[in-house]
Amino acid sequence: MLRKETEKALNTFAKYVIQQSRSNLTKGRKPYGSYNDTKALYNSLGYDLNVSPNSFSLSINMEDYGAFQDQGVQGKTSSAKAPKSPFKFGRGTGRKGGLTQGISKWVKRKRFQFRDKKGRFLSYDSTAFLITRSIYHKGIKPSMFFTKPFNKAFNDLPDDLLQAYALDVENFLKFATKQNR
């Protein structure tokens, strides 16, 4: 009984963040298309709200690479694109070949090929290698597709949550006084 309005406020918060994040993914522009190429990240956005008698737990979920798209990644030799990012290529902590594999699939899916000096098309693998090398050294610019809506909603959350909790307490007191009569 004491959780109904608070749970509603947290659901509204999570739904807003996910809806705005999805909108940002769809509208976001990169040199060769949106951030929403395969819709894998878009479709993976979701949340879990666990309510127990004494606490609430809210977690927002997405594909692992969503954090890299959101925060950006510093390059091995340059951090100009994402100077404040906690992520950096070349630390040896990530999965080996993950970037190469992803870029290779993207190049083939988009049927994207560079040309050599004579005007002949390079193979997909050569094109993927050149793009991967550039990204590895220069990094990935942050999109903030998730951070911006989260921060906006989070700044409004304390007031909404306080009002919702106050309504829950008020409803509980009404219920308790009816029971004691």
N, C-alpha and C. Protein backbone atom coordinates (compact mmCIF):
# COMPACT_ATOMS: atom_id res chain seq x y z
N MET A 1 0.83 -1.20 0.00
CA MET A 1 0.00 0.00 0.00
C MET A 1 0.87 1.25 0.00
N LEU A 2 2.01 1.20 0.66
CA LEU A 2 2.86 2.39 0.82
C LEU A 2 3.77 2.61 -0.37
N ARG A 3 3.63 1.83 -1.44
CA ARG A 3 4.59 1.93 -2.54
C ARG A 3 3.98 2.37 -3.87
N LYS A 4 2.70 2.42 -3.97
CA LYS A 4 2.03 2.58 -5.25
C LYS A 4 2.46 3.83 -6.02
N GLU A 5 2.41 4.99 -5.43
CA GLU A 5 2.75 6.25 -6.10
C GLU A 5 4.25 6.35 -6.37
N THR A 6 5.05 5.88 -5.44
CA THR A 6 6.51 5.90 -5.62
C THR A 6 6.91 5.00 -6.79
N GLU A 7 6.31 3.83 -6.84
CA GLU A 7 6.58 2.91 -7.94
C GLU A 7 6.17 3.54 -9.27
N LYS A 8 5.05 4.23 -9.28
CA LYS A 8 4.55 4.89 -10.48
C LYS A 8 5.54 5.97 -10.94
N ALA A 9 6.08 6.75 -9.99
CA ALA A 9 7.05 7.80 -10.34
C ALA A 9 8.34 7.20 -10.92
N LEU A 10 8.81 6.09 -10.36
CA LEU A 10 10.02 5.44 -10.87
C LEU A 10 9.77 4.82 -12.24
N ASN A 11 8.59 4.26 -12.45
CA ASN A 11 8.24 3.72 -13.78
C ASN A 11 8.22 4.84 -14.82
N THR A 12 7.64 5.97 -14.47
CA THR A 12 7.58 7.11 -15.38
C THR A 12 8.99 7.59 -15.72
N PHE A 13 9.86 7.65 -14.71
CA PHE A 13 11.25 8.06 -14.91
C PHE A 13 11.95 7.13 -15.91
N ALA A 14 11.86 5.83 -15.67
CA ALA A 14 12.56 4.85 -16.52
C ALA A 14 12.00 4.86 -17.94
N LYS A 15 10.69 4.94 -18.09
CA LYS A 15 10.08 4.97 -19.42
C LYS A 15 10.52 6.21 -20.20
N TYR A 16 10.60 7.35 -19.51
CA TYR A 16 11.03 8.59 -20.16
C TYR A 16 12.47 8.47 -20.66
N VAL A 17 13.35 7.97 -19.79
CA VAL A 17 14.77 7.83 -20.15
C VAL A 17 14.92 6.91 -21.36
N ILE A 18 14.23 5.80 -21.37
CA ILE A 18 14.34 4.84 -22.47
C ILE A 18 13.76 5.42 -23.75
N GLN A 19 12.61 6.07 -23.65
CA GLN A 19 11.98 6.65 -24.85
C GLN A 19 12.88 7.73 -25.46
N GLN A 20 13.44 8.60 -24.63
CA GLN A 20 14.31 9.66 -25.13
C GLN A 20 15.62 9.09 -25.68
N SER A 21 16.15 8.06 -25.03
CA SER A 21 17.38 7.43 -25.51
C SER A 21 17.15 6.79 -26.88
N ARG A 22 16.04 6.12 -27.03
CA ARG A 22 15.71 5.52 -28.33
C ARG A 22 15.54 6.59 -29.40
N SER A 23 14.90 7.67 -29.04
CA SER A 23 14.73 8.78 -29.98
C SER A 23 16.07 9.35 -30.40
N ASN A 24 16.99 9.50 -29.44
CA ASN A 24 18.33 10.01 -29.75
C ASN A 24 19.10 9.05 -30.65
N LEU A 25 18.93 7.75 -30.43
CA LEU A 25 19.59 6.77 -31.29
C LEU A 25 19.10 6.88 -32.72
N THR A 26 17.81 7.07 -32.87
CA THR A 26 17.21 7.16 -34.21
C THR A 26 17.61 8.44 -34.92
N LYS A 27 17.64 9.54 -34.19
CA LYS A 27 17.95 10.85 -34.78
C LYS A 27 19.45 11.10 -34.91
N GLY A 28 20.25 10.42 -34.09
CA GLY A 28 21.68 10.66 -34.07
C GLY A 28 22.33 10.47 -35.42
N ARG A 29 23.23 11.36 -35.78
CA ARG A 29 23.90 11.29 -37.09
C ARG A 29 25.38 11.00 -36.91
N LYS A 30 25.84 10.04 -37.65
CA LYS A 30 27.25 9.71 -37.75
C LYS A 30 27.63 9.90 -39.21
N PRO A 31 28.89 9.85 -39.53
CA PRO A 31 29.27 10.07 -40.93
C PRO A 31 28.57 9.17 -41.93
N TYR A 32 28.26 7.93 -41.57
CA TYR A 32 27.68 6.98 -42.53
C TYR A 32 26.33 6.44 -42.09
N GLY A 33 25.57 7.22 -41.35
CA GLY A 33 24.25 6.78 -40.92
C GLY A 33 24.01 7.06 -39.46
N SER A 34 22.90 6.57 -38.95
CA SER A 34 22.54 6.84 -37.56
C SER A 34 23.25 5.87 -36.63
N TYR A 35 23.06 6.09 -35.34
CA TYR A 35 23.60 5.19 -34.32
C TYR A 35 22.79 3.90 -34.27
N ASN A 36 21.69 3.88 -34.98
CA ASN A 36 20.72 2.81 -34.88
C ASN A 36 20.75 1.90 -36.11
N ASP A 37 21.92 1.47 -36.51
CA ASP A 37 22.10 0.72 -37.74
C ASP A 37 21.34 -0.61 -37.75
N THR A 38 21.56 -1.44 -36.76
CA THR A 38 20.92 -2.76 -36.72
C THR A 38 19.75 -2.83 -35.75
N LYS A 39 19.52 -1.78 -35.01
CA LYS A 39 18.48 -1.69 -33.97
C LYS A 39 18.76 -2.60 -32.78
N ALA A 40 19.94 -3.20 -32.70
CA ALA A 40 20.27 -4.07 -31.57
C ALA A 40 20.33 -3.26 -30.27
N LEU A 41 20.99 -2.12 -30.30
CA LEU A 41 21.09 -1.28 -29.11
C LEU A 41 19.71 -0.71 -28.77
N TYR A 42 19.00 -0.25 -29.76
CA TYR A 42 17.65 0.30 -29.59
C TYR A 42 16.74 -0.72 -28.91
N ASN A 43 16.74 -1.93 -29.42
CA ASN A 43 15.87 -2.98 -28.88
C ASN A 43 16.32 -3.49 -27.51
N SER A 44 17.59 -3.33 -27.20
CA SER A 44 18.09 -3.83 -25.92
C SER A 44 17.77 -2.91 -24.75
N LEU A 45 17.39 -1.67 -25.02
CA LEU A 45 17.08 -0.73 -23.94
C LEU A 45 15.84 -1.20 -23.18
N GLY A 46 15.98 -1.31 -21.88
CA GLY A 46 14.87 -1.73 -21.03
C GLY A 46 15.20 -1.43 -19.58
N TYR A 47 14.28 -1.74 -18.70
CA TYR A 47 14.55 -1.50 -17.28
C TYR A 47 13.90 -2.56 -16.42
N ASP A 48 14.45 -2.71 -15.22
CA ASP A 48 13.91 -3.62 -14.22
C ASP A 48 13.65 -2.81 -12.95
N LEU A 49 12.43 -2.83 -12.47
CA LEU A 49 12.08 -2.16 -11.23
C LEU A 49 11.66 -3.23 -10.24
N ASN A 50 12.41 -3.36 -9.17
CA ASN A 50 12.10 -4.33 -8.13
C ASN A 50 11.62 -3.57 -6.89
N VAL A 51 10.47 -3.94 -6.42
CA VAL A 51 9.87 -3.28 -5.26
C VAL A 51 9.76 -4.29 -4.14
N SER A 52 10.32 -3.95 -3.00
CA SER A 52 10.17 -4.79 -1.81
C SER A 52 9.60 -3.90 -0.70
N PRO A 53 9.20 -4.46 0.41
CA PRO A 53 8.56 -3.65 1.45
C PRO A 53 9.41 -2.48 1.95
N ASN A 54 10.73 -2.63 1.94
CA ASN A 54 11.57 -1.57 2.51
C ASN A 54 12.47 -0.86 1.51
N SER A 55 12.43 -1.25 0.24
CA SER A 55 13.35 -0.62 -0.70
C SER A 55 12.86 -0.74 -2.14
N PHE A 56 13.53 0.03 -3.00
CA PHE A 56 13.28 -0.01 -4.44
C PHE A 56 14.61 -0.21 -5.13
N SER A 57 14.58 -0.90 -6.26
CA SER A 57 15.77 -1.08 -7.07
C SER A 57 15.38 -0.87 -8.53
N LEU A 58 16.05 0.07 -9.19
CA LEU A 58 15.79 0.35 -10.59
C LEU A 58 17.08 0.21 -11.36
N SER A 59 17.08 -0.64 -12.39
CA SER A 59 18.25 -0.75 -13.25
C SER A 59 17.81 -0.60 -14.69
N ILE A 60 18.59 0.17 -15.46
CA ILE A 60 18.32 0.37 -16.87
C ILE A 60 19.35 -0.44 -17.64
N ASN A 61 18.88 -1.25 -18.57
CA ASN A 61 19.73 -2.20 -19.27
C ASN A 61 19.90 -1.82 -20.74
N MET A 62 21.06 -2.18 -21.29
CA MET A 62 21.33 -2.03 -22.71
C MET A 62 22.49 -2.91 -23.09
N GLU A 63 22.71 -3.08 -24.40
CA GLU A 63 23.87 -3.84 -24.88
C GLU A 63 25.14 -3.24 -24.29
N ASP A 64 26.16 -4.06 -24.12
CA ASP A 64 27.42 -3.60 -23.52
C ASP A 64 28.04 -2.43 -24.29
N TYR A 65 27.98 -2.48 -25.62
CA TYR A 65 28.64 -1.44 -26.39
C TYR A 65 27.89 -0.10 -26.32
N GLY A 66 26.71 -0.09 -25.73
CA GLY A 66 25.97 1.16 -25.56
C GLY A 66 26.74 2.17 -24.74
N ALA A 67 27.48 1.70 -23.74
CA ALA A 67 28.28 2.62 -22.92
C ALA A 67 29.37 3.28 -23.75
N PHE A 68 29.95 2.55 -24.70
CA PHE A 68 30.99 3.12 -25.56
C PHE A 68 30.39 4.15 -26.51
N GLN A 69 29.20 3.86 -27.04
CA GLN A 69 28.53 4.82 -27.93
C GLN A 69 28.14 6.08 -27.16
N ASP A 70 27.68 5.90 -25.94
CA ASP A 70 27.23 7.03 -25.13
C ASP A 70 28.38 7.89 -24.65
N GLN A 71 29.39 7.29 -24.06
CA GLN A 71 30.49 8.01 -23.44
C GLN A 71 31.66 8.29 -24.38
N GLY A 72 31.70 7.58 -25.51
CA GLY A 72 32.82 7.71 -26.42
C GLY A 72 34.00 6.88 -25.93
N VAL A 73 35.04 6.81 -26.75
CA VAL A 73 36.24 6.06 -26.40
C VAL A 73 37.45 6.87 -26.85
N GLN A 74 38.42 7.02 -25.97
CA GLN A 74 39.66 7.69 -26.33
C GLN A 74 40.46 6.79 -27.25
N GLY A 75 41.13 7.39 -28.22
CA GLY A 75 41.96 6.61 -29.12
C GLY A 75 43.28 6.23 -28.48
N LYS A 76 43.97 5.30 -29.13
CA LYS A 76 45.28 4.86 -28.63
C LYS A 76 46.29 6.01 -28.66
N THR A 77 46.27 6.83 -29.73
CA THR A 77 47.25 7.90 -29.85
C THR A 77 46.67 9.29 -29.64
N SER A 78 45.34 9.42 -29.64
CA SER A 78 44.72 10.73 -29.48
C SER A 78 43.45 10.62 -28.65
N SER A 79 43.28 11.54 -27.72
CA SER A 79 42.05 11.55 -26.92
C SER A 79 41.19 12.76 -27.28
N ALA A 80 41.43 13.37 -28.44
CA ALA A 80 40.73 14.58 -28.84
C ALA A 80 39.22 14.37 -29.01
N LYS A 81 38.81 13.22 -29.51
CA LYS A 81 37.38 12.99 -29.75
C LYS A 81 36.60 12.77 -28.46
N ALA A 82 37.20 12.14 -27.47
CA ALA A 82 36.50 11.82 -26.21
C ALA A 82 37.44 12.04 -25.02
N PRO A 83 37.84 13.28 -24.74
CA PRO A 83 38.82 13.51 -23.69
C PRO A 83 38.36 13.12 -22.28
N LYS A 84 37.06 13.13 -22.03
CA LYS A 84 36.55 12.84 -20.69
C LYS A 84 36.04 11.41 -20.54
N SER A 85 36.20 10.60 -21.57
CA SER A 85 35.70 9.24 -21.55
C SER A 85 36.51 8.36 -20.60
N PRO A 86 35.83 7.46 -19.87
CA PRO A 86 36.55 6.51 -19.03
C PRO A 86 37.12 5.35 -19.83
N PHE A 87 36.77 5.27 -21.11
CA PHE A 87 37.21 4.16 -21.95
C PHE A 87 38.33 4.60 -22.88
N LYS A 88 39.27 3.67 -23.15
CA LYS A 88 40.38 3.98 -24.04
C LYS A 88 40.82 2.72 -24.77
N PHE A 89 41.05 2.87 -26.08
CA PHE A 89 41.58 1.76 -26.86
C PHE A 89 43.04 1.52 -26.46
N GLY A 90 43.44 0.26 -26.49
CA GLY A 90 44.84 -0.07 -26.26
C GLY A 90 45.20 -0.40 -24.83
N ARG A 91 44.24 -0.51 -23.95
CA ARG A 91 44.54 -0.87 -22.56
C ARG A 91 44.66 -2.37 -22.37
N GLY A 92 44.16 -3.12 -23.33
CA GLY A 92 44.26 -4.58 -23.24
C GLY A 92 43.18 -5.21 -22.39
N THR A 93 42.14 -4.44 -22.03
CA THR A 93 41.09 -5.00 -21.18
C THR A 93 39.88 -5.46 -21.97
N GLY A 94 39.74 -5.03 -23.20
CA GLY A 94 38.57 -5.39 -24.01
C GLY A 94 38.77 -6.71 -24.73
N ARG A 95 37.71 -7.14 -25.38
CA ARG A 95 37.75 -8.38 -26.15
C ARG A 95 38.62 -8.18 -27.38
N LYS A 96 39.50 -9.08 -27.65
CA LYS A 96 40.40 -8.99 -28.80
C LYS A 96 39.61 -9.19 -30.09
N GLY A 97 39.79 -8.28 -31.04
CA GLY A 97 39.16 -8.40 -32.34
C GLY A 97 37.71 -7.96 -32.40
N GLY A 98 37.15 -7.46 -31.30
CA GLY A 98 35.75 -7.06 -31.28
C GLY A 98 35.46 -5.89 -32.20
N LEU A 99 36.33 -4.89 -32.19
CA LEU A 99 36.14 -3.72 -33.05
C LEU A 99 36.28 -4.12 -34.52
N THR A 100 37.29 -4.91 -34.83
CA THR A 100 37.52 -5.35 -36.21
C THR A 100 36.32 -6.14 -36.73
N GLN A 101 35.83 -7.03 -35.91
CA GLN A 101 34.69 -7.86 -36.29
C GLN A 101 33.45 -7.01 -36.55
N GLY A 102 33.18 -6.07 -35.66
CA GLY A 102 32.01 -5.21 -35.80
C GLY A 102 32.09 -4.32 -37.03
N ILE A 103 33.25 -3.74 -37.28
CA ILE A 103 33.42 -2.86 -38.45
C ILE A 103 33.34 -3.68 -39.73
N SER A 104 33.90 -4.87 -39.73
CA SER A 104 33.86 -5.73 -40.91
C SER A 104 32.41 -6.08 -41.27
N LYS A 105 31.61 -6.42 -40.27
CA LYS A 105 30.19 -6.72 -40.52
C LYS A 105 29.46 -5.49 -41.04
N TRP A 106 29.75 -4.33 -40.46
CA TRP A 106 29.11 -3.09 -40.87
C TRP A 106 29.45 -2.75 -42.33
N VAL A 107 30.73 -2.88 -42.69
CA VAL A 107 31.17 -2.57 -44.06
C VAL A 107 30.46 -3.47 -45.06
N LYS A 108 30.35 -4.74 -44.76
CA LYS A 108 29.69 -5.69 -45.67
C LYS A 108 28.19 -5.42 -45.74
N ARG A 109 27.58 -5.12 -44.60
CA ARG A 109 26.14 -4.85 -44.56
C ARG A 109 25.78 -3.59 -45.36
N LYS A 110 26.63 -2.57 -45.26
CA LYS A 110 26.39 -1.31 -45.97
C LYS A 110 26.94 -1.33 -47.40
N ARG A 111 27.67 -2.40 -47.73
CA ARG A 111 28.30 -2.53 -49.05
C ARG A 111 29.17 -1.30 -49.32
N PHE A 112 30.03 -1.02 -48.35
CA PHE A 112 30.86 0.18 -48.35
C PHE A 112 32.30 -0.21 -48.69
N GLN A 113 32.89 0.43 -49.71
CA GLN A 113 34.26 0.12 -50.09
C GLN A 113 34.99 1.41 -50.48
N PHE A 114 36.25 1.50 -50.03
CA PHE A 114 37.10 2.60 -50.47
C PHE A 114 37.68 2.25 -51.84
N ARG A 115 38.29 3.25 -52.46
CA ARG A 115 38.98 3.02 -53.74
C ARG A 115 40.47 3.27 -53.54
N ASP A 116 41.27 2.58 -54.35
CA ASP A 116 42.71 2.83 -54.31
C ASP A 116 43.05 4.01 -55.23
N LYS A 117 44.33 4.30 -55.38
CA LYS A 117 44.77 5.45 -56.19
C LYS A 117 44.41 5.31 -57.66
N LYS A 118 44.25 4.09 -58.12
CA LYS A 118 43.89 3.86 -59.52
C LYS A 118 42.38 3.81 -59.74
N GLY A 119 41.61 3.99 -58.67
CA GLY A 119 40.16 4.00 -58.79
C GLY A 119 39.49 2.66 -58.63
N ARG A 120 40.27 1.62 -58.33
CA ARG A 120 39.69 0.29 -58.14
C ARG A 120 39.16 0.16 -56.70
N PHE A 121 38.08 -0.60 -56.55
CA PHE A 121 37.52 -0.81 -55.23
C PHE A 121 38.45 -1.70 -54.40
N LEU A 122 38.63 -1.35 -53.13
CA LEU A 122 39.35 -2.21 -52.19
C LEU A 122 38.38 -3.30 -51.73
N SER A 123 38.92 -4.37 -51.20
CA SER A 123 38.06 -5.43 -50.68
C SER A 123 37.36 -4.92 -49.41
N TYR A 124 36.32 -5.62 -49.01
CA TYR A 124 35.63 -5.26 -47.78
C TYR A 124 36.58 -5.35 -46.58
N ASP A 125 37.42 -6.38 -46.58
CA ASP A 125 38.35 -6.56 -45.47
C ASP A 125 39.37 -5.42 -45.40
N SER A 126 39.86 -4.98 -46.54
CA SER A 126 40.81 -3.86 -46.56
C SER A 126 40.14 -2.57 -46.09
N THR A 127 38.92 -2.35 -46.55
CA THR A 127 38.18 -1.16 -46.13
C THR A 127 37.93 -1.21 -44.62
N ALA A 128 37.53 -2.36 -44.11
CA ALA A 128 37.28 -2.52 -42.68
C ALA A 128 38.56 -2.29 -41.89
N PHE A 129 39.69 -2.79 -42.39
CA PHE A 129 40.96 -2.61 -41.70
C PHE A 129 41.31 -1.12 -41.58
N LEU A 130 41.14 -0.37 -42.67
CA LEU A 130 41.47 1.06 -42.64
C LEU A 130 40.56 1.83 -41.67
N ILE A 131 39.29 1.51 -41.67
CA ILE A 131 38.35 2.19 -40.76
C ILE A 131 38.67 1.82 -39.31
N THR A 132 38.90 0.53 -39.07
CA THR A 132 39.22 0.06 -37.73
C THR A 132 40.49 0.72 -37.20
N ARG A 133 41.51 0.80 -38.04
CA ARG A 133 42.77 1.42 -37.61
C ARG A 133 42.55 2.88 -37.24
N SER A 134 41.77 3.59 -38.03
CA SER A 134 41.48 4.99 -37.75
C SER A 134 40.73 5.15 -36.42
N ILE A 135 39.70 4.33 -36.22
CA ILE A 135 38.93 4.40 -34.97
C ILE A 135 39.81 4.04 -33.78
N TYR A 136 40.63 3.02 -33.91
CA TYR A 136 41.50 2.58 -32.83
C TYR A 136 42.45 3.70 -32.40
N HIS A 137 43.01 4.41 -33.36
CA HIS A 137 43.97 5.46 -33.02
C HIS A 137 43.32 6.78 -32.63
N LYS A 138 42.18 7.12 -33.25
CA LYS A 138 41.55 8.42 -32.99
C LYS A 138 40.42 8.37 -31.97
N GLY A 139 39.79 7.22 -31.79
CA GLY A 139 38.72 7.09 -30.81
C GLY A 139 37.34 7.24 -31.40
N ILE A 140 36.35 7.25 -30.52
CA ILE A 140 34.95 7.39 -30.89
C ILE A 140 34.38 8.58 -30.14
N LYS A 141 33.74 9.47 -30.86
CA LYS A 141 33.14 10.66 -30.26
C LYS A 141 31.91 10.26 -29.44
N PRO A 142 31.73 10.84 -28.24
CA PRO A 142 30.55 10.50 -27.44
C PRO A 142 29.25 11.00 -28.09
N SER A 143 28.21 10.20 -28.00
CA SER A 143 26.91 10.61 -28.55
C SER A 143 26.00 11.14 -27.44
N MET A 144 26.21 10.71 -26.21
CA MET A 144 25.41 11.11 -25.06
C MET A 144 23.92 10.77 -25.26
N PHE A 145 23.64 9.75 -26.07
CA PHE A 145 22.26 9.39 -26.36
C PHE A 145 21.50 8.98 -25.10
N PHE A 146 22.20 8.44 -24.11
CA PHE A 146 21.57 8.00 -22.86
C PHE A 146 21.80 9.00 -21.74
N THR A 147 22.99 9.55 -21.65
CA THR A 147 23.36 10.44 -20.54
C THR A 147 22.49 11.69 -20.47
N LYS A 148 22.23 12.32 -21.60
CA LYS A 148 21.43 13.56 -21.59
C LYS A 148 20.01 13.33 -21.07
N PRO A 149 19.25 12.35 -21.60
CA PRO A 149 17.91 12.17 -21.05
C PRO A 149 17.93 11.68 -19.59
N PHE A 150 18.92 10.88 -19.24
CA PHE A 150 19.01 10.39 -17.86
C PHE A 150 19.21 11.55 -16.90
N ASN A 151 20.17 12.42 -17.21
CA ASN A 151 20.45 13.57 -16.33
C ASN A 151 19.25 14.50 -16.23
N LYS A 152 18.58 14.73 -17.35
CA LYS A 152 17.40 15.61 -17.34
C LYS A 152 16.31 15.02 -16.45
N ALA A 153 16.01 13.75 -16.63
CA ALA A 153 14.97 13.09 -15.84
C ALA A 153 15.39 12.96 -14.38
N PHE A 154 16.67 12.71 -14.14
CA PHE A 154 17.16 12.54 -12.77
C PHE A 154 17.06 13.84 -11.99
N ASN A 155 17.30 14.98 -12.66
CA ASN A 155 17.18 16.27 -11.98
C ASN A 155 15.74 16.55 -11.56
N ASP A 156 14.77 16.03 -12.32
CA ASP A 156 13.36 16.21 -11.97
C ASP A 156 12.87 15.14 -11.00
N LEU A 157 13.57 14.05 -10.90
CA LEU A 157 13.11 12.92 -10.10
C LEU A 157 12.95 13.22 -8.61
N PRO A 158 13.88 13.91 -7.95
CA PRO A 158 13.70 14.10 -6.51
C PRO A 158 12.36 14.75 -6.15
N ASP A 159 11.93 15.76 -6.88
CA ASP A 159 10.65 16.40 -6.59
C ASP A 159 9.50 15.44 -6.84
N ASP A 160 9.53 14.75 -7.98
CA ASP A 160 8.46 13.80 -8.30
C ASP A 160 8.41 12.67 -7.28
N LEU A 161 9.58 12.18 -6.92
CA LEU A 161 9.65 11.06 -5.97
C LEU A 161 9.16 11.49 -4.60
N LEU A 162 9.55 12.68 -4.18
CA LEU A 162 9.13 13.19 -2.88
C LEU A 162 7.61 13.35 -2.84
N GLN A 163 7.03 13.90 -3.91
CA GLN A 163 5.58 14.07 -3.97
C GLN A 163 4.88 12.71 -3.99
N ALA A 164 5.41 11.77 -4.75
CA ALA A 164 4.82 10.44 -4.83
C ALA A 164 4.89 9.73 -3.48
N TYR A 165 6.03 9.85 -2.81
CA TYR A 165 6.18 9.21 -1.50
C TYR A 165 5.24 9.85 -0.49
N ALA A 166 5.09 11.16 -0.57
CA ALA A 166 4.16 11.85 0.33
C ALA A 166 2.73 11.36 0.10
N LEU A 167 2.35 11.16 -1.16
CA LEU A 167 1.02 10.63 -1.46
C LEU A 167 0.86 9.21 -0.90
N ASP A 168 1.92 8.40 -1.03
CA ASP A 168 1.86 7.05 -0.48
C ASP A 168 1.67 7.06 1.03
N VAL A 169 2.39 7.94 1.71
CA VAL A 169 2.27 8.04 3.17
C VAL A 169 0.87 8.52 3.54
N GLU A 170 0.37 9.51 2.81
CA GLU A 170 -0.97 10.03 3.07
C GLU A 170 -2.02 8.93 2.89
N ASN A 171 -1.91 8.18 1.78
CA ASN A 171 -2.86 7.07 1.54
C ASN A 171 -2.75 6.00 2.60
N PHE A 172 -1.54 5.72 3.05
CA PHE A 172 -1.35 4.72 4.09
C PHE A 172 -1.99 5.17 5.40
N LEU A 173 -1.81 6.45 5.74
CA LEU A 173 -2.40 6.97 6.97
C LEU A 173 -3.92 6.93 6.91
N LYS A 174 -4.49 7.25 5.76
CA LYS A 174 -5.95 7.16 5.59
C LYS A 174 -6.42 5.73 5.78
N PHE A 175 -5.69 4.79 5.17
CA PHE A 175 -6.02 3.38 5.28
C PHE A 175 -5.91 2.91 6.73
N ALA A 176 -4.83 3.33 7.41
CA ALA A 176 -4.59 2.89 8.80
C ALA A 176 -5.64 3.45 9.73
N THR A 177 -6.05 4.69 9.54
CA THR A 177 -7.06 5.28 10.42
C THR A 177 -8.42 4.63 10.20
N LYS A 178 -8.74 4.22 8.98
CA LYS A 178 -10.00 3.53 8.70
C LYS A 178 -10.01 2.16 9.40
N GLN A 179 -8.87 1.49 9.40
CA GLN A 179 -8.78 0.17 10.00
C GLN A 179 -8.95 0.22 11.52
N ASN A 180 -8.48 1.29 12.14
CA ASN A 180 -8.51 1.42 13.59
C ASN A 180 -9.87 1.89 14.13
N ARG A 181 -10.77 2.28 13.30
CA ARG A 181 -12.07 2.76 13.76
C ARG A 181 -12.98 1.66 14.11
